[in-house]
Amino acid sequence: LDVTGPAAVFGAANEATDRPAYDLRI
């Protein structure tokens, strides 16, 4: 959850914006 919890938040931010705000990488 230390990885997937924050990842879910940043992924949701990408989905909610017109273009991806974050280049998210594990």
PDB file of all heavy atoms in Angstrom:
ATOM      1  N   LEU A   1       0.807  -1.217   0.000  1.00  0.00           N
ATOM      2  CA  LEU A   1       0.000   0.000   0.000  1.00  0.00           C
ATOM      3  C   LEU A   1       0.843   1.271   0.000  1.00  0.00           C
ATOM      4  O   LEU A   1       0.357   2.330  -0.390  1.00  0.00           O
ATOM      5  CB  LEU A   1      -0.952   0.011   1.194  1.00  0.00           C
ATOM      6  CG  LEU A   1      -2.240  -0.791   1.016  1.00  0.00           C
ATOM      7  CD1 LEU A   1      -3.054  -0.779   2.306  1.00  0.00           C
ATOM      8  CD2 LEU A   1      -3.081  -0.224  -0.127  1.00  0.00           C
ATOM      9  N   ASP A   2       2.093   1.174   0.442  1.00  0.00           N
ATOM     10  CA  ASP A   2       2.972   2.342   0.381  1.00  0.00           C
ATOM     11  C   ASP A   2       3.256   2.739  -1.066  1.00  0.00           C
ATOM     12  O   ASP A   2       3.585   3.898  -1.348  1.00  0.00           O
ATOM     13  CB  ASP A   2       4.304   2.052   1.079  1.00  0.00           C
ATOM     14  CG  ASP A   2       4.172   2.014   2.590  1.00  0.00           C
ATOM     15  OD1 ASP A   2       3.060   2.239   3.101  1.00  0.00           O
ATOM     16  OD2 ASP A   2       5.176   1.736   3.265  1.00  0.00           O
ATOM     17  N   VAL A   3       3.147   1.780  -1.972  1.00  0.00           N
ATOM     18  CA  VAL A   3       3.339   2.047  -3.398  1.00  0.00           C
ATOM     19  C   VAL A   3       2.004   2.300  -4.073  1.00  0.00           C
ATOM     20  O   VAL A   3       1.806   3.321  -4.745  1.00  0.00           O
ATOM     21  CB  VAL A   3       4.060   0.872  -4.091  1.00  0.00           C
ATOM     22  CG1 VAL A   3       4.249   1.165  -5.579  1.00  0.00           C
ATOM     23  CG2 VAL A   3       5.401   0.590  -3.430  1.00  0.00           C
ATOM     24  N   THR A   4       1.064   1.378  -3.897  1.00  0.00           N
ATOM     25  CA  THR A   4      -0.184   1.447  -4.664  1.00  0.00           C
ATOM     26  C   THR A   4      -1.121   2.540  -4.164  1.00  0.00           C
ATOM     27  O   THR A   4      -1.919   3.077  -4.947  1.00  0.00           O
ATOM     28  CB  THR A   4      -0.906   0.098  -4.644  1.00  0.00           C
ATOM     29  OG1 THR A   4      -1.160  -0.292  -3.279  1.00  0.00           O
ATOM     30  CG2 THR A   4      -0.062  -0.974  -5.325  1.00  0.00           C
ATOM     31  N   GLY A   5      -1.057   2.887  -2.860  1.00  0.00           N
ATOM     32  CA  GLY A   5      -1.909   3.969  -2.354  1.00  0.00           C
ATOM     33  C   GLY A   5      -1.590   5.296  -3.030  1.00  0.00           C
ATOM     34  O   GLY A   5      -2.462   5.892  -3.677  1.00  0.00           O
ATOM     35  N   PRO A   6      -0.340   5.794  -2.914  1.00  0.00           N
ATOM     36  CA  PRO A   6       0.009   7.019  -3.633  1.00  0.00           C
ATOM     37  C   PRO A   6      -0.152   6.889  -5.143  1.00  0.00           C
ATOM     38  O   PRO A   6      -0.607   7.832  -5.804  1.00  0.00           O
ATOM     39  CB  PRO A   6       1.474   7.239  -3.250  1.00  0.00           C
ATOM     40  CG  PRO A   6       1.609   6.589  -1.915  1.00  0.00           C
ATOM     41  CD  PRO A   6       0.735   5.378  -1.987  1.00  0.00           C
ATOM     42  N   ALA A   7       0.200   5.722  -5.713  1.00  0.00           N
ATOM     43  CA  ALA A   7       0.066   5.550  -7.162  1.00  0.00           C
ATOM     44  C   ALA A   7      -1.378   5.740  -7.603  1.00  0.00           C
ATOM     45  O   ALA A   7      -1.649   6.342  -8.654  1.00  0.00           O
ATOM     46  CB  ALA A   7       0.568   4.165  -7.574  1.00  0.00           C
ATOM     47  N   ALA A   8      -2.327   5.234  -6.807  1.00  0.00           N
ATOM     48  CA  ALA A   8      -3.742   5.390  -7.149  1.00  0.00           C
ATOM     49  C   ALA A   8      -4.158   6.855  -7.142  1.00  0.00           C
ATOM     50  O   ALA A   8      -4.948   7.295  -7.990  1.00  0.00           O
ATOM     51  CB  ALA A   8      -4.601   4.579  -6.180  1.00  0.00           C
ATOM     52  N   VAL A   9      -3.626   7.625  -6.201  1.00  0.00           N
ATOM     53  CA  VAL A   9      -3.950   9.058  -6.139  1.00  0.00           C
ATOM     54  C   VAL A   9      -3.421   9.781  -7.369  1.00  0.00           C
ATOM     55  O   VAL A   9      -4.147  10.537  -8.030  1.00  0.00           O
ATOM     56  CB  VAL A   9      -3.368   9.689  -4.855  1.00  0.00           C
ATOM     57  CG1 VAL A   9      -3.512  11.212  -4.889  1.00  0.00           C
ATOM     58  CG2 VAL A   9      -4.068   9.119  -3.619  1.00  0.00           C
ATOM     59  N   PHE A  10      -2.155   9.542  -7.711  1.00  0.00           N
ATOM     60  CA  PHE A  10      -1.579  10.234  -8.863  1.00  0.00           C
ATOM     61  C   PHE A  10      -2.218   9.746 -10.169  1.00  0.00           C
ATOM     62  O   PHE A  10      -2.400  10.533 -11.105  1.00  0.00           O
ATOM     63  CB  PHE A  10      -0.062  10.035  -8.881  1.00  0.00           C
ATOM     64  CG  PHE A  10       0.628  10.583  -7.664  1.00  0.00           C
ATOM     65  CD1 PHE A  10       1.421   9.775  -6.867  1.00  0.00           C
ATOM     66  CD2 PHE A  10       0.474  11.912  -7.297  1.00  0.00           C
ATOM     67  CE1 PHE A  10       2.049  10.262  -5.734  1.00  0.00           C
ATOM     68  CE2 PHE A  10       1.092  12.417  -6.158  1.00  0.00           C
ATOM     69  CZ  PHE A  10       1.875  11.588  -5.381  1.00  0.00           C
ATOM     70  N   GLY A  11      -2.565   8.467 -10.217  1.00  0.00           N
ATOM     71  CA  GLY A  11      -3.266   7.966 -11.396  1.00  0.00           C
ATOM     72  C   GLY A  11      -4.632   8.602 -11.545  1.00  0.00           C
ATOM     73  O   GLY A  11      -5.060   8.930 -12.662  1.00  0.00           O
ATOM     74  N   ALA A  12      -5.342   8.797 -10.425  1.00  0.00           N
ATOM     75  CA  ALA A  12      -6.643   9.463 -10.477  1.00  0.00           C
ATOM     76  C   ALA A  12      -6.502  10.912 -10.940  1.00  0.00           C
ATOM     77  O   ALA A  12      -7.370  11.429 -11.657  1.00  0.00           O
ATOM     78  CB  ALA A  12      -7.305   9.405  -9.101  1.00  0.00           C
ATOM     79  N   ALA A  13      -5.410  11.562 -10.545  1.00  0.00           N
ATOM     80  CA  ALA A  13      -5.168  12.933 -11.006  1.00  0.00           C
ATOM     81  C   ALA A  13      -4.990  12.952 -12.522  1.00  0.00           C
ATOM     82  O   ALA A  13      -5.497  13.849 -13.209  1.00  0.00           O
ATOM     83  CB  ALA A  13      -3.938  13.520 -10.312  1.00  0.00           C
ATOM     84  N   ASN A  14      -4.274  11.967 -13.066  1.00  0.00           N
ATOM     85  CA  ASN A  14      -4.106  11.883 -14.517  1.00  0.00           C
ATOM     86  C   ASN A  14      -5.444  11.693 -15.222  1.00  0.00           C
ATOM     87  O   ASN A  14      -5.709  12.286 -16.278  1.00  0.00           O
ATOM     88  CB  ASN A  14      -3.162  10.737 -14.879  1.00  0.00           C
ATOM     89  CG  ASN A  14      -1.704  11.083 -14.662  1.00  0.00           C
ATOM     90  OD1 ASN A  14      -1.339  12.254 -14.550  1.00  0.00           O
ATOM     91  ND2 ASN A  14      -0.854  10.070 -14.596  1.00  0.00           N
ATOM     92  N   GLU A  15      -6.306  10.854 -14.639  1.00  0.00           N
ATOM     93  CA  GLU A  15      -7.602  10.592 -15.255  1.00  0.00           C
ATOM     94  C   GLU A  15      -8.519  11.808 -15.208  1.00  0.00           C
ATOM     95  O   GLU A  15      -9.399  11.963 -16.060  1.00  0.00           O
ATOM     96  CB  GLU A  15      -8.277   9.415 -14.556  1.00  0.00           C
ATOM     97  CG  GLU A  15      -7.585   8.078 -14.789  1.00  0.00           C
ATOM     98  CD  GLU A  15      -8.262   6.941 -14.048  1.00  0.00           C
ATOM     99  OE1 GLU A  15      -9.186   7.220 -13.242  1.00  0.00           O
ATOM    100  OE2 GLU A  15      -7.884   5.778 -14.273  1.00  0.00           O
ATOM    101  N   ALA A  16      -8.313  12.657 -14.228  1.00  0.00           N
ATOM    102  CA  ALA A  16      -9.208  13.798 -14.040  1.00  0.00           C
ATOM    103  C   ALA A  16      -8.781  15.043 -14.806  1.00  0.00           C
ATOM    104  O   ALA A  16      -9.514  16.032 -14.837  1.00  0.00           O
ATOM    105  CB  ALA A  16      -9.299  14.131 -12.553  1.00  0.00           C
ATOM    106  N   THR A  17      -7.608  15.017 -15.417  1.00  0.00           N
ATOM    107  CA  THR A  17      -7.106  16.182 -16.145  1.00  0.00           C
ATOM    108  C   THR A  17      -7.156  15.929 -17.647  1.00  0.00           C
ATOM    109  O   THR A  17      -7.231  14.790 -18.100  1.00  0.00           O
ATOM    110  CB  THR A  17      -5.667  16.510 -15.711  1.00  0.00           C
ATOM    111  OG1 THR A  17      -4.863  15.323 -15.779  1.00  0.00           O
ATOM    112  CG2 THR A  17      -5.637  17.026 -14.278  1.00  0.00           C
ATOM    113  N   ASP A  18      -7.125  17.006 -18.417  1.00  0.00           N
ATOM    114  CA  ASP A  18      -7.221  16.895 -19.876  1.00  0.00           C
ATOM    115  C   ASP A  18      -6.061  16.104 -20.453  1.00  0.00           C
ATOM    116  O   ASP A  18      -6.205  15.391 -21.442  1.00  0.00           O
ATOM    117  CB  ASP A  18      -7.258  18.294 -20.502  1.00  0.00           C
ATOM    118  CG  ASP A  18      -8.536  19.048 -20.135  1.00  0.00           C
ATOM    119  OD1 ASP A  18      -9.542  18.376 -19.855  1.00  0.00           O
ATOM    120  OD2 ASP A  18      -8.505  20.291 -20.117  1.00  0.00           O
ATOM    121  N   ARG A  19      -4.900  16.244 -19.849  1.00  0.00           N
ATOM    122  CA  ARG A  19      -3.734  15.467 -20.276  1.00  0.00           C
ATOM    123  C   ARG A  19      -3.032  15.001 -19.016  1.00  0.00           C
ATOM    124  O   ARG A  19      -3.184  15.612 -17.941  1.00  0.00           O
ATOM    125  CB  ARG A  19      -2.784  16.314 -21.132  1.00  0.00           C
ATOM    126  CG  ARG A  19      -2.249  17.535 -20.434  1.00  0.00           C
ATOM    127  CD  ARG A  19      -1.333  18.367 -21.323  1.00  0.00           C
ATOM    128  NE  ARG A  19      -0.785  19.501 -20.596  1.00  0.00           N
ATOM    129  CZ  ARG A  19       0.218  19.458 -19.738  1.00  0.00           C
ATOM    130  NH1 ARG A  19       0.802  18.313 -19.490  1.00  0.00           N
ATOM    131  NH2 ARG A  19       0.643  20.543 -19.132  1.00  0.00           N
ATOM    132  N   PRO A  20      -2.279  13.913 -19.085  1.00  0.00           N
ATOM    133  CA  PRO A  20      -1.626  13.396 -17.875  1.00  0.00           C
ATOM    134  C   PRO A  20      -0.748  14.444 -17.196  1.00  0.00           C
ATOM    135  O   PRO A  20       0.100  15.068 -17.838  1.00  0.00           O
ATOM    136  CB  PRO A  20      -0.794  12.229 -18.396  1.00  0.00           C
ATOM    137  CG  PRO A  20      -1.497  11.791 -19.640  1.00  0.00           C
ATOM    138  CD  PRO A  20      -2.031  13.058 -20.253  1.00  0.00           C
ATOM    139  N   ALA A  21      -0.993  14.635 -15.918  1.00  0.00           N
ATOM    140  CA  ALA A  21      -0.175  15.572 -15.146  1.00  0.00           C
ATOM    141  C   ALA A  21       1.113  14.918 -14.670  1.00  0.00           C
ATOM    142  O   ALA A  21       2.115  15.598 -14.449  1.00  0.00           O
ATOM    143  CB  ALA A  21      -0.968  16.088 -13.955  1.00  0.00           C
ATOM    144  N   TYR A  22       1.084  13.580 -14.504  1.00  0.00           N
ATOM    145  CA  TYR A  22       2.223  12.869 -13.939  1.00  0.00           C
ATOM    146  C   TYR A  22       2.695  11.763 -14.881  1.00  0.00           C
ATOM    147  O   TYR A  22       1.886  11.000 -15.426  1.00  0.00           O
ATOM    148  CB  TYR A  22       1.853  12.235 -12.594  1.00  0.00           C
ATOM    149  CG  TYR A  22       1.470  13.238 -11.532  1.00  0.00           C
ATOM    150  CD1 TYR A  22       0.141  13.445 -11.184  1.00  0.00           C
ATOM    151  CD2 TYR A  22       2.446  13.996 -10.884  1.00  0.00           C
ATOM    152  CE1 TYR A  22      -0.217  14.365 -10.217  1.00  0.00           C
ATOM    153  CE2 TYR A  22       2.105  14.922  -9.912  1.00  0.00           C
ATOM    154  CZ  TYR A  22       0.768  15.108  -9.579  1.00  0.00           C
ATOM    155  OH  TYR A  22       0.429  16.033  -8.623  1.00  0.00           O
ATOM    156  N   ASP A  23       4.002  11.692 -15.058  1.00  0.00           N
ATOM    157  CA  ASP A  23       4.643  10.539 -15.680  1.00  0.00           C
ATOM    158  C   ASP A  23       5.014   9.625 -14.522  1.00  0.00           C
ATOM    159  O   ASP A  23       6.062   9.770 -13.897  1.00  0.00           O
ATOM    160  CB  ASP A  23       5.881  10.993 -16.457  1.00  0.00           C
ATOM    161  CG  ASP A  23       6.685   9.828 -17.021  1.00  0.00           C
ATOM    162  OD1 ASP A  23       6.224   8.675 -16.919  1.00  0.00           O
ATOM    163  OD2 ASP A  23       7.777  10.069 -17.555  1.00  0.00           O
ATOM    164  N   LEU A  24       4.126   8.694 -14.203  1.00  0.00           N
ATOM    165  CA  LEU A  24       4.214   7.905 -12.990  1.00  0.00           C
ATOM    166  C   LEU A  24       4.942   6.589 -13.257  1.00  0.00           C
ATOM    167  O   LEU A  24       4.552   5.831 -14.139  1.00  0.00           O
ATOM    168  CB  LEU A  24       2.800   7.632 -12.462  1.00  0.00           C
ATOM    169  CG  LEU A  24       2.657   6.816 -11.189  1.00  0.00           C
ATOM    170  CD1 LEU A  24       3.335   7.520 -10.021  1.00  0.00           C
ATOM    171  CD2 LEU A  24       1.178   6.595 -10.894  1.00  0.00           C
ATOM    172  N   ARG A  25       5.983   6.325 -12.470  1.00  0.00           N
ATOM    173  CA  ARG A  25       6.764   5.110 -12.661  1.00  0.00           C
ATOM    174  C   ARG A  25       7.063   4.454 -11.320  1.00  0.00           C
ATOM    175  O   ARG A  25       7.410   5.123 -10.350  1.00  0.00           O
ATOM    176  CB  ARG A  25       8.111   5.412 -13.349  1.00  0.00           C
ATOM    177  CG  ARG A  25       7.996   6.187 -14.657  1.00  0.00           C
ATOM    178  CD  ARG A  25       9.369   6.459 -15.250  1.00  0.00           C
ATOM    179  NE  ARG A  25       9.277   7.335 -16.417  1.00  0.00           N
ATOM    180  CZ  ARG A  25      10.313   7.682 -17.172  1.00  0.00           C
ATOM    181  NH1 ARG A  25      11.534   7.211 -16.873  1.00  0.00           N
ATOM    182  NH2 ARG A  25      10.154   8.482 -18.206  1.00  0.00           N
ATOM    183  N   ILE A  26       6.926   3.130 -11.293  1.00  0.00           N
ATOM    184  CA  ILE A  26       7.421   2.342 -10.168  1.00  0.00           C
ATOM    185  C   ILE A  26       8.824   1.887 -10.549  1.00  0.00           C
ATOM    186  O   ILE A  26       9.018   1.285 -11.611  1.00  0.00           O
ATOM    187  CB  ILE A  26       6.514   1.132  -9.885  1.00  0.00           C
ATOM    188  CG1 ILE A  26       5.113   1.611  -9.484  1.00  0.00           C
ATOM    189  CG2 ILE A  26       7.112   0.258  -8.784  1.00  0.00           C
ATOM    190  CD1 ILE A  26       4.104   0.494  -9.332  1.00  0.00           C
TER     191      ILE A  26
END
